[in-house]
C-alpha atoms as a PDB file:
ATOM      1  CA  MET A   1       0.000   0.000   0.000  1.00  0.00           C
ATOM      2  CA  ASP A   2       1.217   3.488  -0.853  1.00  0.00           C
ATOM      3  CA  SER A   3       2.247   5.163   2.392  1.00  0.00           C
ATOM      4  CA  ASN A   4       1.499   8.579   0.863  1.00  0.00           C
ATOM      5  CA  ILE A   5      -2.240   7.910   0.530  1.00  0.00           C
ATOM      6  CA  GLU A   6      -4.309  10.398   2.498  1.00  0.00           C
ATOM      7  CA  PHE A   7      -7.570   8.989   3.819  1.00  0.00           C
ATOM      8  CA  PRO A   8     -10.671  11.056   4.604  1.00  0.00           C
ATOM      9  CA  ASP A   9     -11.758  10.980   8.226  1.00  0.00           C
ATOM     10  CA  GLY A  10     -13.359   7.544   8.480  1.00  0.00           C
ATOM     11  CA  GLY A  11     -15.678   5.609   6.226  1.00  0.00           C
ATOM     12  CA  VAL A  12     -13.061   4.500   3.675  1.00  0.00           C
ATOM     13  CA  ILE A  13     -13.389   1.070   2.053  1.00  0.00           C
ATOM     14  CA  PHE A  14      -9.864  -0.033   1.191  1.00  0.00           C
ATOM     15  CA  GLY A  15      -8.197  -3.417   1.550  1.00  0.00           C
ATOM     16  CA  HIS A  16      -8.840  -5.015   4.924  1.00  0.00           C
ATOM     17  CA  ARG A  17      -8.972  -1.756   6.856  1.00  0.00           C
ATOM     18  CA  PRO A  18     -11.865  -2.111   9.308  1.00  0.00           C
ATOM     19  CA  CYS A  19     -14.852  -0.153   8.015  1.00  0.00           C
ATOM     20  CA  GLN A  20     -18.299  -0.743   9.453  1.00  0.00           C
ATOM     21  CA  THR A  21     -21.148  -0.858   6.925  1.00  0.00           C
ATOM     22  CA  ARG A  22     -23.011   1.896   8.766  1.00  0.00           C
ATOM     23  CA  ASP A  23     -19.963   4.188   8.473  1.00  0.00           C
ATOM     24  CA  ALA A  24     -18.994   3.510   4.846  1.00  0.00           C
ATOM     25  CA  LYS A  25     -18.660   6.628   2.690  1.00  0.00           C
ATOM     26  CA  TRP A  26     -15.778   6.136   0.252  1.00  0.00           C
ATOM     27  CA  LEU A  27     -14.324   3.505  -2.082  1.00  0.00           C
ATOM     28  CA  LEU A  28     -10.593   3.898  -2.602  1.00  0.00           C
ATOM     29  CA  LEU A  29      -9.029   2.514  -5.796  1.00  0.00           C
ATOM     30  CA  GLU A  30      -5.218   2.484  -5.640  1.00  0.00           C
ATOM     31  CA  ASN A  31      -2.718   2.539  -8.554  1.00  0.00           C
ATOM     32  CA  VAL A  32      -5.431   2.740 -11.221  1.00  0.00           C
ATOM     33  CA  PHE A  33      -2.953   3.724 -13.954  1.00  0.00           C
ATOM     34  CA  GLU A  34      -0.788   0.658 -13.450  1.00  0.00           C
ATOM     35  CA  LYS A  35      -3.800  -1.634 -13.235  1.00  0.00           C
ATOM     36  CA  CYS A  36      -5.344  -0.226 -16.416  1.00  0.00           C
ATOM     37  CA  CYS A  37      -2.185  -1.433 -18.125  1.00  0.00           C
ATOM     38  CA  ARG A  38      -2.618  -4.897 -16.562  1.00  0.00           C
ATOM     39  CA  PRO A  39      -6.264  -5.859 -17.190  1.00  0.00           C
ATOM     40  CA  ASN A  40      -7.525  -8.142 -14.441  1.00  0.00           C
ATOM     41  CA  MET A  41      -9.937  -8.385 -11.503  1.00  0.00           C
ATOM     42  CA  TYR A  42      -8.817  -6.492  -8.391  1.00  0.00           C
ATOM     43  CA  ASP A  43      -9.992  -6.567  -4.798  1.00  0.00           C
ATOM     44  CA  ILE A  44     -10.928  -3.135  -3.390  1.00  0.00           C
ATOM     45  CA  GLY A  45     -12.001  -4.153   0.094  1.00  0.00           C
ATOM     46  CA  GLY A  46     -15.217  -4.361   2.036  1.00  0.00           C
ATOM     47  CA  THR A  47     -17.353  -3.420   4.988  1.00  0.00           C
ATOM     48  CA  TYR A  48     -18.107  -5.263   8.197  1.00  0.00           C
ATOM     49  CA  ILE A  49     -20.898  -5.732  10.688  1.00  0.00           C
ATOM     50  CA  GLU A  50     -18.955  -5.983  13.904  1.00  0.00           C
ATOM     51  CA  ASP A  51     -16.237  -8.531  12.968  1.00  0.00           C
ATOM     52  CA  LEU A  52     -18.102 -10.239  10.113  1.00  0.00           C
ATOM     53  CA  PRO A  53     -17.542  -9.296   6.439  1.00  0.00           C
ATOM     54  CA  HIS A  54     -20.682  -7.732   4.937  1.00  0.00           C
ATOM     55  CA  PHE A  55     -20.408  -6.058   1.510  1.00  0.00           C
ATOM     56  CA  TRP A  56     -17.274  -6.591  -0.569  1.00  0.00           C
ATOM     57  CA  PHE A  57     -16.112  -4.618  -3.600  1.00  0.00           C
ATOM     58  CA  TYR A  58     -14.026  -5.508  -6.646  1.00  0.00           C
ATOM     59  CA  TYR A  59     -13.170  -3.814  -9.871  1.00  0.00           C
ATOM     60  CA  LYS A  60     -12.276  -5.239 -13.253  1.00  0.00           C
ATOM     61  CA  VAL A  61     -10.174  -3.497 -15.872  1.00  0.00           C
ATOM     62  CA  GLU A  62     -10.383  -4.326 -19.563  1.00  0.00           C
ATOM     63  CA  ILE A  63      -9.212  -2.734 -22.801  1.00  0.00           C
ATOM     64  CA  VAL A  64     -11.612  -2.510 -25.753  1.00  0.00           C
ATOM     65  CA  GLY A  65      -9.778  -1.086 -28.739  1.00  0.00           C
ATOM     66  CA  LYS A  66      -8.213   2.106 -27.359  1.00  0.00           C
ATOM     67  CA  VAL A  67     -10.797   2.494 -24.598  1.00  0.00           C
ATOM     68  CA  TYR A  68     -10.008   1.545 -21.005  1.00  0.00           C
ATOM     69  CA  LEU A  69     -13.021   0.259 -19.063  1.00  0.00           C
ATOM     70  CA  LEU A  70     -13.227  -0.037 -15.288  1.00  0.00           C
ATOM     71  CA  HIS A  71     -16.136  -2.033 -13.826  1.00  0.00           C
ATOM     72  CA  ILE A  72     -17.032  -2.020 -10.135  1.00  0.00           C
ATOM     73  CA  PHE A  73     -18.701  -5.053  -8.537  1.00  0.00           C
ATOM     74  CA  VAL A  74     -20.298  -5.448  -5.131  1.00  0.00           C
ATOM     75  CA  THR A  75     -21.066  -8.772  -3.434  1.00  0.00           C
ATOM     76  CA  ASN A  76     -22.629  -9.805  -0.159  1.00  0.00           C
ATOM     77  CA  ARG A  77     -20.339 -11.890   2.059  1.00  0.00           C
ATOM     78  CA  ARG A  78     -23.171 -13.159   4.256  1.00  0.00           C
ATOM     79  CA  GLU A  79     -24.820 -16.487   3.495  1.00  0.00           C
ATOM     80  CA  GLU A  80     -28.189 -14.883   2.779  1.00  0.00           C
ATOM     81  CA  ILE A  81     -28.204 -12.107   0.192  1.00  0.00           C
ATOM     82  CA  ASP A  82     -30.622  -9.343   1.093  1.00  0.00           C
ATOM     83  CA  LEU A  83     -30.965  -7.063  -1.941  1.00  0.00           C
ATOM     84  CA  GLU A  84     -33.257  -4.770   0.014  1.00  0.00           C
ATOM     85  CA  THR A  85     -30.191  -3.457   1.824  1.00  0.00           C
ATOM     86  CA  LEU A  86     -28.973  -1.956  -1.452  1.00  0.00           C
ATOM     87  CA  LYS A  87     -32.009   0.282  -1.823  1.00  0.00           C
ATOM     88  CA  ASP A  88     -31.087   3.960  -1.825  1.00  0.00           C
ATOM     89  CA  LEU A  89     -27.443   3.039  -1.237  1.00  0.00           C
ATOM     90  CA  LYS A  90     -25.075   5.681  -2.644  1.00  0.00           C
ATOM     91  CA  LEU A  91     -21.376   5.091  -3.274  1.00  0.00           C
ATOM     92  CA  TYR A  92     -18.968   8.015  -3.520  1.00  0.00           C
ATOM     93  CA  ILE A  93     -15.493   7.575  -5.038  1.00  0.00           C
ATOM     94  CA  PRO A  94     -13.070  10.446  -4.383  1.00  0.00           C
ATOM     95  CA  VAL A  95     -11.130  11.761  -7.372  1.00  0.00           C
ATOM     96  CA  SER A  96      -8.038  13.944  -7.056  1.00  0.00           C
ATOM     97  CA  PHE A  97      -5.547  15.165  -9.676  1.00  0.00           C
ATOM     98  CA  ASP A  98      -2.299  16.921  -8.904  1.00  0.00           C
ATOM     99  CA  VAL A  99      -1.897  19.397 -11.766  1.00  0.00           C
ATOM    100  CA  PRO A 100       1.024  21.776 -11.222  1.00  0.00           C
ATOM    101  CA  SER A 101       0.286  25.333 -12.284  1.00  0.00           C
ATOM    102  CA  LYS A 102       2.658  27.577 -14.215  1.00  0.00           C
ATOM    103  CA  GLU A 103       2.369  30.124 -11.437  1.00  0.00           C
ATOM    104  CA  LYS A 104       3.643  27.563  -8.930  1.00  0.00           C
ATOM    105  CA  ALA A 105       6.565  26.611 -11.174  1.00  0.00           C
ATOM    106  CA  ASP A 106       7.557  30.243 -11.720  1.00  0.00           C
ATOM    107  CA  GLN A 107       7.855  30.764  -7.979  1.00  0.00           C
ATOM    108  CA  HIS A 108      10.865  28.412  -7.935  1.00  0.00           C
ATOM    109  CA  ASP A 109      12.776  29.751 -10.944  1.00  0.00           C
ATOM    110  CA  PHE A 110      16.205  30.903  -9.790  1.00  0.00           C
ATOM    111  CA  ARG A 111      17.933  30.627 -13.158  1.00  0.00           C
ATOM    112  CA  ALA A 112      19.581  34.015 -12.657  1.00  0.00           C
ATOM    113  CA  LEU A 113      21.549  32.646  -9.705  1.00  0.00           C
ATOM    114  CA  LEU A 114      22.593  29.620 -11.751  1.00  0.00           C
ATOM    115  CA  ASP A 115      23.866  31.843 -14.563  1.00  0.00           C
ATOM    116  CA  ASP A 116      25.521  34.313 -12.170  1.00  0.00           C
ATOM    117  CA  PRO A 117      26.103  32.421  -8.886  1.00  0.00           C
ATOM    118  CA  TYR A 118      26.455  35.411  -6.603  1.00  0.00           C
ATOM    119  CA  GLY A 119      26.983  34.292  -2.996  1.00  0.00           C
ATOM    120  CA  SER A 120      27.651  30.661  -3.933  1.00  0.00           C
ATOM    121  CA  ASP A 121      29.021  28.473  -1.139  1.00  0.00           C
ATOM    122  CA  PHE A 122      29.592  25.091  -2.793  1.00  0.00           C
ATOM    123  CA  VAL A 123      31.399  23.679  -5.852  1.00  0.00           C
ATOM    124  CA  ILE A 124      30.401  20.626  -7.914  1.00  0.00           C
ATOM    125  CA  GLU A 125      32.919  19.334 -10.464  1.00  0.00           C
ATOM    126  CA  SER A 126      32.107  17.154 -13.469  1.00  0.00           C
ATOM    127  CA  GLN A 127      34.191  14.220 -14.681  1.00  0.00           C
ATOM    128  CA  GLU A 128      35.895  16.486 -17.236  1.00  0.00           C
ATOM    129  CA  GLY A 129      36.908  18.981 -14.549  1.00  0.00           C
ATOM    130  CA  ASP A 130      34.302  21.683 -15.212  1.00  0.00           C
ATOM    131  CA  LYS A 131      33.361  23.363 -11.946  1.00  0.00           C
ATOM    132  CA  PHE A 132      29.934  24.803 -11.104  1.00  0.00           C
ATOM    133  CA  ASN A 133      29.563  27.290  -8.268  1.00  0.00           C
ATOM    134  CA  VAL A 134      26.235  26.619  -6.565  1.00  0.00           C
ATOM    135  CA  HIS A 135      24.278  27.318  -3.396  1.00  0.00           C
ATOM    136  CA  LYS A 136      23.776  24.699  -0.705  1.00  0.00           C
ATOM    137  CA  VAL A 137      20.327  26.022   0.109  1.00  0.00           C
ATOM    138  CA  PHE A 138      18.986  25.094  -3.353  1.00  0.00           C
ATOM    139  CA  LEU A 139      20.588  21.645  -3.298  1.00  0.00           C
ATOM    140  CA  GLN A 140      19.069  20.934   0.107  1.00  0.00           C
ATOM    141  CA  ALA A 141      15.668  22.331  -0.837  1.00  0.00           C
ATOM    142  CA  ARG A 142      15.334  19.944  -3.797  1.00  0.00           C
ATOM    143  CA  SER A 143      17.043  16.794  -2.539  1.00  0.00           C
ATOM    144  CA  ASP A 144      17.056  14.982   0.782  1.00  0.00           C
ATOM    145  CA  VAL A 145      20.194  13.190  -0.441  1.00  0.00           C
ATOM    146  CA  PHE A 146      22.017  16.517  -0.708  1.00  0.00           C
ATOM    147  CA  THR A 147      20.562  17.491   2.659  1.00  0.00           C
ATOM    148  CA  ALA A 148      22.186  14.450   4.272  1.00  0.00           C
ATOM    149  CA  MET A 149      25.421  14.982   2.332  1.00  0.00           C
ATOM    150  CA  LEU A 150      25.753  18.600   3.464  1.00  0.00           C
ATOM    151  CA  LYS A 151      25.473  18.006   7.175  1.00  0.00           C
ATOM    152  CA  GLU A 152      28.283  19.579   9.191  1.00  0.00           C
ATOM    153  CA  ASN A 153      30.254  16.385   9.809  1.00  0.00           C
ATOM    154  CA  THR A 154      30.562  15.243   6.183  1.00  0.00           C
ATOM    155  CA  ALA A 155      33.651  15.742   4.035  1.00  0.00           C
ATOM    156  CA  GLU A 156      31.599  17.428   1.308  1.00  0.00           C
ATOM    157  CA  SER A 157      30.176  19.946   3.739  1.00  0.00           C
ATOM    158  CA  GLN A 158      33.511  20.734   5.366  1.00  0.00           C
ATOM    159  CA  GLN A 159      35.299  21.128   2.025  1.00  0.00           C
ATOM    160  CA  SER A 160      32.300  22.742   0.237  1.00  0.00           C
ATOM    161  CA  TYR A 161      33.207  20.566  -2.734  1.00  0.00           C
ATOM    162  CA  LEU A 162      31.865  17.508  -4.563  1.00  0.00           C
ATOM    163  CA  LYS A 163      33.536  15.662  -7.446  1.00  0.00           C
ATOM    164  CA  LEU A 164      31.258  13.579  -9.677  1.00  0.00           C
ATOM    165  CA  ILE A 165      33.639  11.253 -11.486  1.00  0.00           C
ATOM    166  CA  ASP A 166      30.914   9.608 -13.603  1.00  0.00           C
ATOM    167  CA  ILE A 167      28.824  12.633 -14.620  1.00  0.00           C
ATOM    168  CA  ASP A 168      29.726  14.781 -17.632  1.00  0.00           C
ATOM    169  CA  LYS A 169      29.314  18.539 -17.631  1.00  0.00           C
ATOM    170  CA  HIS A 170      26.173  18.559 -19.789  1.00  0.00           C
ATOM    171  CA  ASP A 171      24.265  16.133 -17.561  1.00  0.00           C
ATOM    172  CA  LEU A 172      25.498  17.921 -14.446  1.00  0.00           C
ATOM    173  CA  PHE A 173      24.310  21.273 -15.781  1.00  0.00           C
ATOM    174  CA  CYS A 174      20.907  19.754 -16.616  1.00  0.00           C
ATOM    175  CA  MET A 175      20.549  18.474 -13.054  1.00  0.00           C
ATOM    176  CA  LEU A 176      21.500  21.890 -11.672  1.00  0.00           C
ATOM    177  CA  GLU A 177      19.108  23.583 -14.086  1.00  0.00           C
ATOM    178  CA  TYR A 178      16.298  21.466 -12.699  1.00  0.00           C
ATOM    179  CA  ILE A 179      17.355  22.154  -9.097  1.00  0.00           C
ATOM    180  CA  TYR A 180      17.352  25.906  -9.672  1.00  0.00           C
ATOM    181  CA  THR A 181      14.305  26.201 -11.937  1.00  0.00           C
ATOM    182  CA  GLY A 182      12.135  23.115 -11.497  1.00  0.00           C
ATOM    183  CA  THR A 183      12.226  22.403 -15.234  1.00  0.00           C
ATOM    184  CA  LEU A 184      14.504  21.900 -18.250  1.00  0.00           C
ATOM    185  CA  GLN A 185      14.873  23.899 -21.433  1.00  0.00           C
ATOM    186  CA  ASP A 186      15.470  22.382 -24.878  1.00  0.00           C
ATOM    187  CA  ILE A 187      14.679  18.819 -23.802  1.00  0.00           C
ATOM    188  CA  SER A 188      15.397  17.451 -27.285  1.00  0.00           C
ATOM    189  CA  SER A 189      19.162  17.686 -26.696  1.00  0.00           C
ATOM    190  CA  HIS A 190      19.403  15.811 -23.371  1.00  0.00           C
ATOM    191  CA  ASN A 191      20.346  12.232 -22.524  1.00  0.00           C
ATOM    192  CA  PHE A 192      17.390  11.298 -20.368  1.00  0.00           C
ATOM    193  CA  PHE A 193      18.753   7.881 -19.464  1.00  0.00           C
ATOM    194  CA  ASN A 194      21.552   9.707 -17.650  1.00  0.00           C
ATOM    195  CA  LEU A 195      19.132  12.211 -16.130  1.00  0.00           C
ATOM    196  CA  LEU A 196      16.861   9.399 -14.942  1.00  0.00           C
ATOM    197  CA  MET A 197      19.877   7.877 -13.207  1.00  0.00           C
ATOM    198  CA  LEU A 198      20.685  11.232 -11.556  1.00  0.00           C
ATOM    199  CA  SER A 199      17.087  11.720 -10.477  1.00  0.00           C
ATOM    200  CA  ASP A 200      17.161   8.346  -8.758  1.00  0.00           C
ATOM    201  CA  ARG A 201      20.587   8.902  -7.186  1.00  0.00           C
ATOM    202  CA  TYR A 202      19.646  12.258  -5.664  1.00  0.00           C
ATOM    203  CA  ASN A 203      15.912  11.613  -5.240  1.00  0.00           C
ATOM    204  CA  LEU A 204      14.791  14.446  -7.540  1.00  0.00           C
ATOM    205  CA  GLN A 205      11.171  13.499  -8.154  1.00  0.00           C
ATOM    206  CA  GLY A 206      10.402  16.270 -10.640  1.00  0.00           C
ATOM    207  CA  LEU A 207      13.459  15.422 -12.747  1.00  0.00           C
ATOM    208  CA  ARG A 208      12.389  11.785 -12.656  1.00  0.00           C
ATOM    209  CA  GLU A 209       8.964  12.714 -14.020  1.00  0.00           C
ATOM    210  CA  ILE A 210      10.456  14.838 -16.809  1.00  0.00           C
ATOM    211  CA  SER A 211      12.853  12.020 -17.723  1.00  0.00           C
ATOM    212  CA  GLU A 212      10.119   9.382 -17.706  1.00  0.00           C
ATOM    213  CA  TYR A 213       7.884  11.528 -19.901  1.00  0.00           C
ATOM    214  CA  SER A 214      10.644  12.212 -22.433  1.00  0.00           C
ATOM    215  CA  LEU A 215      11.855   8.607 -22.549  1.00  0.00           C
ATOM    216  CA  SER A 216       8.280   7.349 -22.930  1.00  0.00           C
ATOM    217  CA  ASN A 217       7.952   9.465 -26.078  1.00  0.00           C
ATOM    218  CA  GLN A 218      11.221   8.071 -27.449  1.00  0.00           C
ATOM    219  CA  ILE A 219      10.360   4.380 -27.107  1.00  0.00           C
ATOM    220  CA  CYS A 220      10.834   2.365 -30.282  1.00  0.00           C
ATOM    221  CA  ALA A 221      11.532  -1.255 -31.195  1.00  0.00           C
ATOM    222  CA  ALA A 222      15.273  -0.655 -31.059  1.00  0.00           C
ATOM    223  CA  ASN A 223      15.368   0.724 -27.511  1.00  0.00           C
ATOM    224  CA  VAL A 224      12.296  -0.640 -25.727  1.00  0.00           C
ATOM    225  CA  ILE A 225      14.209  -3.389 -23.866  1.00  0.00           C
ATOM    226  CA  GLU A 226      16.945  -0.956 -22.835  1.00  0.00           C
ATOM    227  CA  THR A 227      14.260   1.465 -21.659  1.00  0.00           C
ATOM    228  CA  PHE A 228      12.463  -1.251 -19.703  1.00  0.00           C
ATOM    229  CA  VAL A 229      15.671  -2.337 -17.954  1.00  0.00           C
ATOM    230  CA  ALA A 230      16.616   1.260 -17.105  1.00  0.00           C
ATOM    231  CA  ALA A 231      13.134   1.945 -15.761  1.00  0.00           C
ATOM    232  CA  ASP A 232      13.402  -1.048 -13.450  1.00  0.00           C
ATOM    233  CA  LEU A 233      16.927  -0.125 -12.345  1.00  0.00           C
ATOM    234  CA  TYR A 234      16.006   3.466 -11.503  1.00  0.00           C
ATOM    235  CA  ASN A 235      12.548   2.828  -9.994  1.00  0.00           C
ATOM    236  CA  ALA A 236      10.664   4.547 -12.831  1.00  0.00           C
ATOM    237  CA  GLU A 237       7.341   2.707 -12.703  1.00  0.00           C
ATOM    238  CA  THR A 238       5.516   4.943 -15.195  1.00  0.00           C
ATOM    239  CA  LEU A 239       8.249   4.456 -17.792  1.00  0.00           C
ATOM    240  CA  LYS A 240       8.308   0.725 -17.118  1.00  0.00           C
ATOM    241  CA  ILE A 241       4.589   0.467 -17.844  1.00  0.00           C
ATOM    242  CA  ALA A 242       5.020   2.517 -21.031  1.00  0.00           C
ATOM    243  CA  ALA A 243       7.701   0.100 -22.240  1.00  0.00           C
ATOM    244  CA  LEU A 244       5.500  -2.917 -21.470  1.00  0.00           C
ATOM    245  CA  LYS A 245       2.575  -1.351 -23.327  1.00  0.00           C
ATOM    246  CA  PHE A 246       4.790  -0.747 -26.360  1.00  0.00           C
ATOM    247  CA  MET A 247       5.908  -4.392 -26.322  1.00  0.00           C
ATOM    248  CA  LYS A 248       2.313  -5.552 -26.061  1.00  0.00           C
ATOM    249  CA  CYS A 249       1.301  -3.484 -29.091  1.00  0.00           C
ATOM    250  CA  ASN A 250       4.492  -4.342 -31.006  1.00  0.00           C
ATOM    251  CA  LYS A 251       5.301  -7.937 -30.136  1.00  0.00           C
ATOM    252  CA  ASN A 252       8.142  -8.066 -32.667  1.00  0.00           C
ATOM    253  CA  ALA A 253       9.979  -5.587 -30.432  1.00  0.00           C
ATOM    254  CA  ILE A 254      11.230  -8.418 -28.235  1.00  0.00           C
ATOM    255  CA  HIS A 255      12.985 -10.052 -31.184  1.00  0.00           C
ATOM    256  CA  ASN A 256      16.226  -8.140 -30.848  1.00  0.00           C
ATOM    257  CA  ARG A 257      19.676  -8.626 -29.384  1.00  0.00           C
ATOM    258  CA  MET A 258      18.908  -6.689 -26.201  1.00  0.00           C
ATOM    259  CA  PHE A 259      16.188  -9.172 -25.255  1.00  0.00           C
ATOM    260  CA  ASP A 260      18.552 -12.085 -25.978  1.00  0.00           C
ATOM    261  CA  LYS A 261      21.085 -10.519 -23.582  1.00  0.00           C
ATOM    262  CA  LEU A 262      18.526  -9.945 -20.824  1.00  0.00           C
ATOM    263  CA  ASP A 263      19.590 -12.198 -17.956  1.00  0.00           C
ATOM    264  CA  ASN A 264      17.280 -10.889 -15.221  1.00  0.00           C
ATOM    265  CA  VAL A 265      14.760 -13.680 -14.637  1.00  0.00           C
ATOM    266  CA  GLN A 266      12.336 -11.404 -12.798  1.00  0.00           C
ATOM    267  CA  LEU A 267      12.224  -8.913 -15.682  1.00  0.00           C
ATOM    268  CA  ILE A 268      11.719 -11.682 -18.237  1.00  0.00           C
ATOM    269  CA  ARG A 269       8.868 -13.000 -16.098  1.00  0.00           C
ATOM    270  CA  GLU A 270       7.250  -9.547 -15.935  1.00  0.00           C
ATOM    271  CA  ILE A 271       7.413  -9.181 -19.712  1.00  0.00           C
ATOM    272  CA  CYS A 272       5.892 -12.610 -20.279  1.00  0.00           C
ATOM    273  CA  GLN A 273       3.105 -12.041 -17.745  1.00  0.00           C
ATOM    274  CA  PHE A 274       2.227  -8.704 -19.355  1.00  0.00           C
ATOM    275  CA  LEU A 275       2.248 -10.033 -22.915  1.00  0.00           C
ATOM    276  CA  LEU A 276       0.270 -13.203 -22.251  1.00  0.00           C
ATOM    277  CA  PRO A 277      -3.514 -12.782 -22.622  1.00  0.00           C
ATOM    278  CA  GLN A 278      -5.403 -12.695 -19.314  1.00  0.00           C
END
């Protein structure tokens, strides 16, 4: 279960959380995007009368052409089914979308300080030796990894210096651009496999989302296996699903040398389970 889920105050039907029938107000469907990509029957949860299961809810996902259908089912767990109890019963399913506004993004654009790092107090060096003067406060604000790294007793904090021996200057600048502005310019010129790796290393969620979006739009038969492996390695679930969907719609995509070289049994199993008809 996602630990970030916020529940209303009581009355939520979800998994085996205790919810009395008389108190039920909400059905909670978790990870709908991922499950739409894996058509099947899923258990939502149910209500109880005291300690005995009462009503139980399921939903089924299926794909018809390019349309995704989600069906909700309700059953009665008691031995005797009393349909009269369903009269005038109303079910409410909460819907919430996190849509970032341009105004919110603009509030975090400090590009001027990246271009002219007045008052900088930290140096990050690329593998080629290019040095970027930056500000600890921005690194810490974006990344809990940098926050831990810049504590007083660490070598990086005491020396105000970090050498990245495996990151070239272009990828390093892109990461800093995201840290200072919350976005990236000219995304067509970036190596998003490298940026996805950096987003995972320094826990930069926004950079991860940008990288996943860009890589999803670049998927083709030649790179879909590489993309799938990278998505698994760097915990990019959205990108992983996009790669699986591409393979399902283009089954010849697995007939390439990258698939032959794939030696991760778990990943091979995931591909096979996704491609096989339910």
